[in-house]
Structure formats: C-alpha cells, structure tokens
Protein backbone atom coordinates (compact mmCIF):
# COMPACT_ATOMS: atom_id res chain seq x y z
CA UNK A 1 -108.97 32.61 30.48
CA UNK A 2 -109.21 35.98 32.24
CA UNK A 3 -106.41 36.46 34.82
CA UNK A 4 -108.66 38.52 37.03
CA UNK A 5 -110.79 35.52 37.74
CA UNK A 6 -107.78 33.90 39.42
CA UNK A 7 -107.33 36.80 41.82
CA UNK A 8 -104.05 37.98 40.14
CA UNK A 9 -103.51 41.65 39.64
CA UNK A 10 -103.06 42.42 35.93
CA UNK A 11 -100.23 44.84 36.69
CA UNK A 12 -98.30 42.26 38.67
CA UNK A 13 -98.84 39.75 35.92
CA UNK A 14 -97.29 42.05 33.37
CA UNK A 15 -94.26 42.69 35.59
CA UNK A 16 -93.78 38.95 36.10
CA UNK A 17 -94.22 38.39 32.40
CA UNK A 18 -91.57 41.02 31.51
CA UNK A 19 -89.14 39.62 34.08
CA UNK A 20 -89.56 36.17 32.58
CA UNK A 21 -88.81 37.48 29.13
CA UNK A 22 -85.61 39.18 30.36
CA UNK A 23 -84.43 36.01 32.12
CA UNK A 24 -85.01 33.85 29.03
CA UNK A 25 -83.04 36.34 26.91
CA UNK A 26 -80.03 36.08 29.20
CA UNK A 27 -80.10 32.29 29.11
CA UNK A 28 -80.33 32.20 25.34
CA UNK A 29 -77.44 34.66 24.94
CA UNK A 30 -75.15 32.58 27.18
CA UNK A 31 -75.96 29.14 25.70
CA UNK A 32 -74.08 27.97 22.52
CA UNK A 33 -76.10 27.54 19.44
CA UNK A 34 -76.55 24.22 17.71
CA UNK A 35 -74.12 25.29 14.89
CA UNK A 36 -71.40 26.18 17.39
CA UNK A 37 -71.52 22.70 18.98
CA UNK A 38 -71.19 20.97 15.63
CA UNK A 39 -68.23 23.13 14.65
CA UNK A 40 -66.17 21.83 17.63
CA UNK A 41 -66.57 18.16 16.68
CA UNK A 42 -64.76 17.37 13.39
CA UNK A 43 -64.77 13.61 13.71
CA UNK A 44 -65.40 10.87 16.15
CA UNK A 45 -62.56 10.64 18.65
CA UNK A 46 -60.19 7.64 18.43
CA UNK A 47 -59.83 5.76 21.66
CA UNK A 48 -56.29 4.75 22.60
CA UNK A 49 -55.66 2.11 25.26
CA UNK A 50 -52.76 3.27 27.43
CA UNK A 51 -50.93 0.31 29.00
CA UNK A 52 -50.14 0.35 32.64
CA UNK A 53 -46.60 1.31 33.59
CA UNK A 54 -44.33 -1.68 34.39
CA UNK A 55 -40.64 -2.45 34.85
CA UNK A 56 -39.15 -4.38 31.94
CA UNK A 57 -36.73 -7.25 32.33
CA UNK A 58 -33.66 -6.19 30.28
CA UNK A 59 -33.00 -9.80 29.35
CA UNK A 60 -36.48 -10.38 28.00
CA UNK A 61 -37.53 -9.95 24.39
CA UNK A 62 -40.57 -7.76 24.01
CA UNK A 63 -43.00 -7.99 21.13
CA UNK A 64 -45.38 -5.33 22.47
CA UNK A 65 -45.74 -1.66 21.59
CA UNK A 66 -42.33 0.08 21.71
CA UNK A 67 -41.96 2.98 24.16
CA UNK A 68 -42.27 6.52 22.81
CA UNK A 69 -39.03 8.13 21.62
CA UNK A 70 -36.95 9.90 24.21
CA UNK A 71 -36.81 13.67 24.19
CA UNK A 72 -33.04 13.31 23.77
CA UNK A 73 -32.42 10.98 20.81
CA UNK A 74 -29.77 8.30 21.15
CA UNK A 75 -26.64 8.93 19.05
CA UNK A 76 -26.62 7.14 15.70
CA UNK A 77 -23.91 4.48 15.55
CA UNK A 78 -22.15 4.60 12.18
CA UNK A 79 -19.93 1.67 11.28
CA UNK A 80 -16.98 2.85 9.21
CA UNK A 81 -15.64 0.02 7.05
CA UNK A 82 -11.94 -0.53 7.59
CA UNK A 83 -9.63 -1.67 4.85
CA UNK A 84 -8.31 -5.19 5.17
CA UNK A 85 -4.73 -5.09 6.46
CA UNK A 86 -2.26 -5.54 3.64
CA UNK A 87 -0.87 -9.04 3.64
CA UNK A 88 2.87 -9.70 3.40
CA UNK A 89 3.58 -10.62 -0.21
CA UNK A 90 6.20 -13.14 -1.30
CA UNK A 91 7.42 -13.48 -4.87
CA UNK A 92 8.40 -17.06 -5.70
CA UNK A 93 10.60 -17.56 -8.74
CA UNK A 94 10.90 -21.20 -9.84
CA UNK A 95 14.09 -21.00 -11.89
CA UNK A 96 14.26 -21.80 -15.62
CA UNK A 97 11.21 -23.24 -17.44
CA UNK A 98 9.98 -23.87 -20.96
CA UNK A 99 12.85 -24.26 -23.39
CA UNK A 100 15.27 -23.49 -20.55
CA UNK A 101 15.71 -26.85 -18.83
CA UNK A 102 18.36 -25.82 -16.32
CA UNK A 103 20.57 -28.53 -14.85
CA UNK A 104 20.01 -32.15 -15.88
CA UNK A 105 20.06 -35.52 -14.18
CA UNK A 106 21.33 -38.45 -16.21
CA UNK A 107 20.93 -42.17 -15.63
CA UNK A 108 23.60 -44.83 -15.81
CA UNK A 109 22.79 -45.34 -19.47
CA UNK A 110 23.60 -41.71 -20.23
CA UNK A 111 20.01 -40.74 -20.90
CA UNK A 112 18.45 -37.73 -19.18
CA UNK A 113 16.13 -38.75 -16.35
CA UNK A 114 14.74 -35.29 -15.52
CA UNK A 115 15.77 -31.65 -15.56
CA UNK A 116 16.00 -28.90 -12.98
CA UNK A 117 13.16 -26.67 -14.17
CA UNK A 118 10.62 -29.40 -13.39
CA UNK A 119 11.79 -29.79 -9.79
CA UNK A 120 11.97 -26.02 -9.29
CA UNK A 121 8.35 -25.65 -10.36
CA UNK A 122 7.05 -28.58 -8.30
CA UNK A 123 8.78 -27.27 -5.18
CA UNK A 124 7.75 -23.68 -5.88
CA UNK A 125 4.09 -24.65 -6.11
CA UNK A 126 4.32 -26.55 -2.82
CA UNK A 127 5.87 -23.51 -1.15
CA UNK A 128 3.13 -21.30 -2.61
CA UNK A 129 0.39 -23.52 -1.21
CA UNK A 130 1.99 -23.64 2.22
CA UNK A 131 2.48 -19.87 2.36
CA UNK A 132 -1.11 -19.25 1.30
CA UNK A 133 -2.27 -21.64 4.00
CA UNK A 134 -0.33 -19.54 6.51
CA UNK A 135 -2.01 -16.34 5.33
CA UNK A 136 0.60 -14.88 2.97
CA UNK A 137 0.00 -13.34 -0.43
CA UNK A 138 2.06 -15.07 -3.12
CA UNK A 139 3.17 -13.98 -6.58
CA UNK A 140 4.63 -16.58 -8.96
CA UNK A 141 6.92 -15.65 -11.84
CA UNK A 142 5.65 -18.84 -13.46
CA UNK A 143 3.20 -21.54 -12.40
CA UNK A 144 3.54 -23.79 -15.44
CA UNK A 145 6.44 -25.15 -17.49
CA UNK A 146 7.12 -21.99 -19.45
CA UNK A 147 9.30 -18.92 -19.68
CA UNK A 148 8.07 -15.47 -18.75
CA UNK A 149 8.94 -14.09 -22.18
CA UNK A 150 6.66 -15.18 -25.00
CA UNK A 151 9.14 -14.40 -27.77
CA UNK A 152 12.53 -12.87 -28.34
CA UNK A 153 11.83 -9.55 -26.68
CA UNK A 154 14.60 -7.10 -25.86
CA UNK A 155 13.34 -6.38 -22.35
CA UNK A 156 16.58 -4.78 -21.18
CA UNK A 157 16.47 -2.32 -24.08
CA UNK A 158 20.10 -2.70 -25.11
CA UNK A 159 19.20 -3.45 -28.70
CA UNK A 160 20.12 -7.12 -28.45
CA UNK A 161 18.09 -10.14 -27.37
CA UNK A 162 20.08 -12.29 -24.97
CA UNK A 163 17.92 -15.00 -23.41
CA UNK A 164 19.29 -15.16 -19.87
CA UNK A 165 19.53 -11.40 -19.46
CA UNK A 166 16.15 -10.52 -20.98
CA UNK A 167 14.25 -13.43 -19.42
CA UNK A 168 15.60 -12.64 -15.97
CA UNK A 169 14.93 -8.92 -16.40
CA UNK A 170 11.34 -9.79 -17.31
CA UNK A 171 11.05 -11.73 -14.05
CA UNK A 172 12.49 -8.83 -12.06
CA UNK A 173 10.01 -6.45 -13.70
CA UNK A 174 7.13 -8.79 -12.87
CA UNK A 175 8.21 -8.96 -9.23
CA UNK A 176 8.71 -5.20 -8.91
CA UNK A 177 5.31 -4.48 -10.44
CA UNK A 178 3.59 -6.94 -8.10
CA UNK A 179 4.49 -4.98 -4.96
CA UNK A 180 6.14 -8.02 -3.38
CA UNK A 181 7.93 -7.61 -0.04
CA UNK A 182 10.37 -10.47 -0.48
CA UNK A 183 11.89 -12.64 -3.22
CA UNK A 184 12.50 -16.38 -3.00
CA UNK A 185 14.15 -17.85 -6.09
CA UNK A 186 14.24 -21.65 -6.11
CA UNK A 187 16.91 -23.48 -8.10
CA UNK A 188 18.84 -26.73 -7.83
CA UNK A 189 22.54 -27.23 -8.26
CA UNK A 190 24.48 -29.58 -10.51
CA UNK A 191 28.04 -30.43 -11.32
CA UNK A 192 28.97 -31.63 -14.74
CA UNK A 193 32.60 -32.43 -15.45
CA UNK A 194 33.45 -31.99 -19.14
CA UNK A 195 35.99 -34.78 -18.84
CA UNK A 196 33.27 -37.23 -17.91
CA UNK A 197 34.58 -37.81 -14.40
CA UNK A 198 32.23 -39.15 -11.75
CA UNK A 199 30.46 -36.22 -10.09
CA UNK A 200 27.94 -38.21 -8.08
CA UNK A 201 29.68 -37.41 -4.79
CA UNK A 202 29.46 -33.64 -5.20
CA UNK A 203 26.51 -32.36 -3.21
CA UNK A 204 25.32 -29.93 -0.57
CA UNK A 205 23.17 -26.85 0.01
CA UNK A 206 24.02 -23.29 -1.02
CA UNK A 207 22.04 -20.08 -0.52
CA UNK A 208 22.87 -16.77 -2.21
CA UNK A 209 22.15 -13.13 -1.41
CA UNK A 210 23.57 -9.85 -2.73
CA UNK A 211 25.77 -7.81 -0.39
CA UNK A 212 25.74 -4.72 -2.62
CA UNK A 213 22.18 -3.50 -2.09
CA UNK A 214 20.65 -0.95 0.32
CA UNK A 215 18.73 -3.81 1.96
CA UNK A 216 21.62 -6.30 2.02
CA UNK A 217 21.27 -6.90 5.76
CA UNK A 218 17.67 -7.99 5.26
CA UNK A 219 18.60 -10.19 2.32
CA UNK A 220 21.31 -11.85 4.37
CA UNK A 221 18.92 -12.37 7.28
CA UNK A 222 16.38 -14.02 4.99
CA UNK A 223 19.00 -16.13 3.21
CA UNK A 224 20.29 -17.35 6.57
CA UNK A 225 16.80 -18.26 7.75
CA UNK A 226 16.15 -20.21 4.54
CA UNK A 227 19.49 -21.98 4.80
CA UNK A 228 19.10 -22.99 8.43
CA UNK A 229 15.48 -24.13 8.12
CA UNK A 230 16.29 -26.27 5.08
CA UNK A 231 19.27 -27.92 6.77
CA UNK A 232 17.15 -28.70 9.83
CA UNK A 233 14.35 -30.15 7.68
CA UNK A 234 16.73 -32.39 5.73
CA UNK A 235 18.43 -33.68 8.82
CA UNK A 236 15.04 -34.36 10.42
CA UNK A 237 14.19 -36.31 7.28
CA UNK A 238 17.30 -38.39 7.79
CA UNK A 239 19.65 -36.83 5.26
CA UNK A 240 22.74 -35.04 6.68
CA UNK A 241 23.19 -32.48 3.91
CA UNK A 242 26.59 -30.89 3.42
CA UNK A 243 26.51 -27.21 4.36
CA UNK A 244 28.14 -25.09 1.64
CA UNK A 245 27.12 -21.84 3.29
CA UNK A 246 25.24 -18.59 2.75
CA UNK A 247 27.17 -16.83 0.00
CA UNK A 248 27.44 -13.38 -1.54
CA UNK A 249 26.39 -13.77 -5.17
CA UNK A 250 29.43 -11.79 -6.31
CA UNK A 251 31.60 -14.89 -5.89
CA UNK A 252 29.83 -16.66 -8.73
CA UNK A 253 32.10 -17.34 -11.64
CA UNK A 254 31.14 -17.90 -15.25
CA UNK A 255 33.60 -18.73 -18.02
CA UNK A 256 33.42 -15.25 -19.54
CA UNK A 257 32.48 -13.06 -16.59
CA UNK A 258 33.90 -13.88 -13.15
CA UNK A 259 32.24 -12.44 -10.08
CA UNK A 260 29.09 -11.04 -11.72
CA UNK A 261 25.96 -10.55 -9.63
CA UNK A 262 22.85 -12.61 -10.18
CA UNK A 263 20.45 -10.53 -12.28
CA UNK A 264 17.56 -11.33 -9.97
CA UNK A 265 19.33 -10.03 -6.86
CA UNK A 266 22.08 -7.67 -7.99
CA UNK A 267 22.34 -3.87 -8.27
CA UNK A 268 21.94 -1.81 -11.41
CA UNK A 269 24.64 -2.46 -13.98
CA UNK A 270 25.08 -2.87 -17.72
CA UNK A 271 23.43 -6.27 -17.33
CA UNK A 272 20.76 -5.22 -14.81
CA UNK A 273 18.80 -2.27 -16.16
CA UNK A 274 16.02 -2.31 -13.54
CA UNK A 275 17.19 -4.11 -10.40
CA UNK A 276 14.94 -5.81 -7.88
CA UNK A 277 13.52 -3.47 -5.26
CA UNK A 278 13.15 -5.72 -2.21
CA UNK A 279 15.27 -8.18 -0.22
CA UNK A 280 15.64 -11.69 -1.55
CA UNK A 281 17.61 -14.92 -1.70
CA UNK A 282 18.33 -17.60 -4.27
CA UNK A 283 18.22 -21.11 -2.83
CA UNK A 284 19.87 -24.25 -4.19
CA UNK A 285 19.00 -26.97 -1.67
CA UNK A 286 20.36 -29.98 -3.58
CA UNK A 287 22.72 -31.13 -6.32
CA UNK A 288 20.50 -33.12 -8.65
CA UNK A 289 23.64 -34.75 -10.06
CA UNK A 290 24.47 -36.20 -6.63
CA UNK A 291 23.67 -39.89 -6.32
CA UNK A 292 21.40 -39.47 -3.28
CA UNK A 293 20.26 -35.88 -3.59
CA UNK A 294 19.14 -36.49 -7.15
CA UNK A 295 16.78 -39.18 -5.86
CA UNK A 296 15.52 -37.03 -2.99
CA UNK A 297 14.60 -34.32 -5.49
CA UNK A 298 11.97 -36.72 -6.88
CA UNK A 299 10.62 -37.79 -3.48
CA UNK A 300 7.22 -36.08 -2.89
CA UNK A 301 7.47 -36.37 0.90
CA UNK A 302 10.95 -34.86 0.89
CA UNK A 303 9.85 -31.97 -1.30
CA UNK A 304 6.92 -31.33 1.04
CA UNK A 305 9.36 -31.17 3.97
CA UNK A 306 11.44 -28.60 2.07
CA UNK A 307 8.33 -26.57 1.23
CA UNK A 308 7.38 -26.43 4.91
CA UNK A 309 10.92 -25.29 5.76
CA UNK A 310 10.79 -22.49 3.19
CA UNK A 311 7.45 -21.34 4.58
CA UNK A 312 8.80 -21.38 8.13
CA UNK A 313 11.74 -19.25 7.03
CA UNK A 314 9.44 -16.71 5.37
CA UNK A 315 7.21 -16.62 8.44
CA UNK A 316 10.21 -16.06 10.70
CA UNK A 317 11.48 -13.28 8.46
CA UNK A 318 8.10 -11.54 8.26
CA UNK A 319 7.78 -11.77 12.05
CA UNK A 320 11.09 -9.97 12.49
CA UNK A 321 12.90 -12.95 13.98
CA UNK A 322 16.70 -13.03 13.59
C-alpha cells in the first residue's frame, strides 16, 4: 500500500517510524531478558504457615510447634553428682569362735549345755542387723563359728605363735583396715571355782574400756552408754541385773600377768604390736554360769532386747549424746 494514497506525508512517516524504533529500543534495554528471570528462581518456594500469636497457659502442656530459640540462650543446667555421705562404721567383734569355745555352761549332770562363743555370735549378728536397719555400716570380725586365723600364723611377728595374742591381733588388724569408727566387742562372763563350789549365784553386768589411749574419754563415753542401755533393757524385760560397773581394763588379772590391758582395746606394748585405732568397749552383759542369766542367754526375745539396747547405745554415741 502506498502511504501517499492515505494523505500522509512520506517525510512525516519516516520521522514517526524512526521515533518508534528509538522508543522500542529503550523499552527492550530496560526489560530483563528471559534468561535473567530464570536465573533468579532456583526452586519453587516453600510455603510456611505462621501461627497467630497467642498467650500460653504456663500450666498447660503443649504439643504444638516449639517457639524459636531466644537470642540469649538459657544457661545449661549441669547436675554434678555428689558422693554419698560416708556412713558411721561399727566393728562388731563376737568374742572367741571355732576351736576357742570361751566360757562354758554346764548342766546339773556335769555335761556342757552350751559355750560362750555361740551366744556371742548370735547376739553379734542381731546387733549387726539392727544397726544396719538404722543406717549404720557394720564390719564383723566373724559371722560364723570360726576364728579369724586360718592356721598357726605369727601375726604379731614375735617369732612365736600364741593363740590368744595372735588371734586377737588379727582381729585388731581387720578392724583397723576396715576404717571402722567404733569397736564393740561382745563377750559373756563366767565364774568357775576350781574347788567345785556352787557359783550359780555369781552374776551381773560388766563393761570394759581402756583408760590409757588418746581417745579414752570417747571409749569411756561409749562404754557407759552401752552399760546403761543394757541395764535399762534388762530391767524392762523383768530382770534386775546386778551392776558391776564400767571398768578400766587394766584391772583385769590373769594368773601370770596381773593388770594387763585387753589386746583389743589396749595401747602398744610387747603383747600389742599394732593397737586399735578408734574408741571401743568390751561388753559382758551376763554370767552364763549364773542360774538365771545362763537361761536368759538362750532366750531369743531377751537377746533381741539386748541387741536393740546395743544399737541404741551406738546411735546415741554417733549422735554425740553424753
């Protein structure tokens, strides 16, 4: 089609045509290309639903999406394990045992009815159980009918085996190595007259401690507590025991050595190579040769009452009571 036929000046048409070309060039230069658009989109966007803000009930349990972490993190709580408090440890020494029978109880026919080591062990085990029930740690020098020594061992190191000295030293060593805080040695008394005289009226309670140790005051305090609690328990049971006192072990007399300390409680000497390291007492609550006390020593209920009394004395001592 000829533009002149439309009444349009050819010169004006060219000017309009050139202006249009310039305008299109500007638009193309400013618009992004198809490659540039694609380069800005690396993947389809993920839509995240943002919950509306709300106030939470602090007593409620939420199972929803947890809140974002705070800009200031909460301090980390570290629980440091603490060692269990050390329990007060009591060493119980049931006297004698095994081949060492201790004192003996005879019947009217002259035959032995029982011996001391059996009663010492039975009572010692009852005391152990009661102390454990009260929260104490307990060490036993023996828990069966045996001696501590297996054979004839010279524990004291003097070159000679002497049963009483070496067996008792072995018990002291066991107690010292256990870390015990207190010693309770349980024995029973007896009186045997070589002439054959009636000894069935000789009875009573005796408790020993050693006055020649650095901790003698503590030993005396414990011995007194044991003595008083046992007397109270026996009288509550209906038996008015004769009180023979709390005694320094140095008064003990043997045929060949008067006034020697008990090996279990005494200080270092030619007989005691390694002495005990903590306070202690040796208790003799009954004479098993006494006509009534010898029967009480075989009464389970009576022995249980004594065991409770021993435990009460230990508890009072450990609590610092006078």
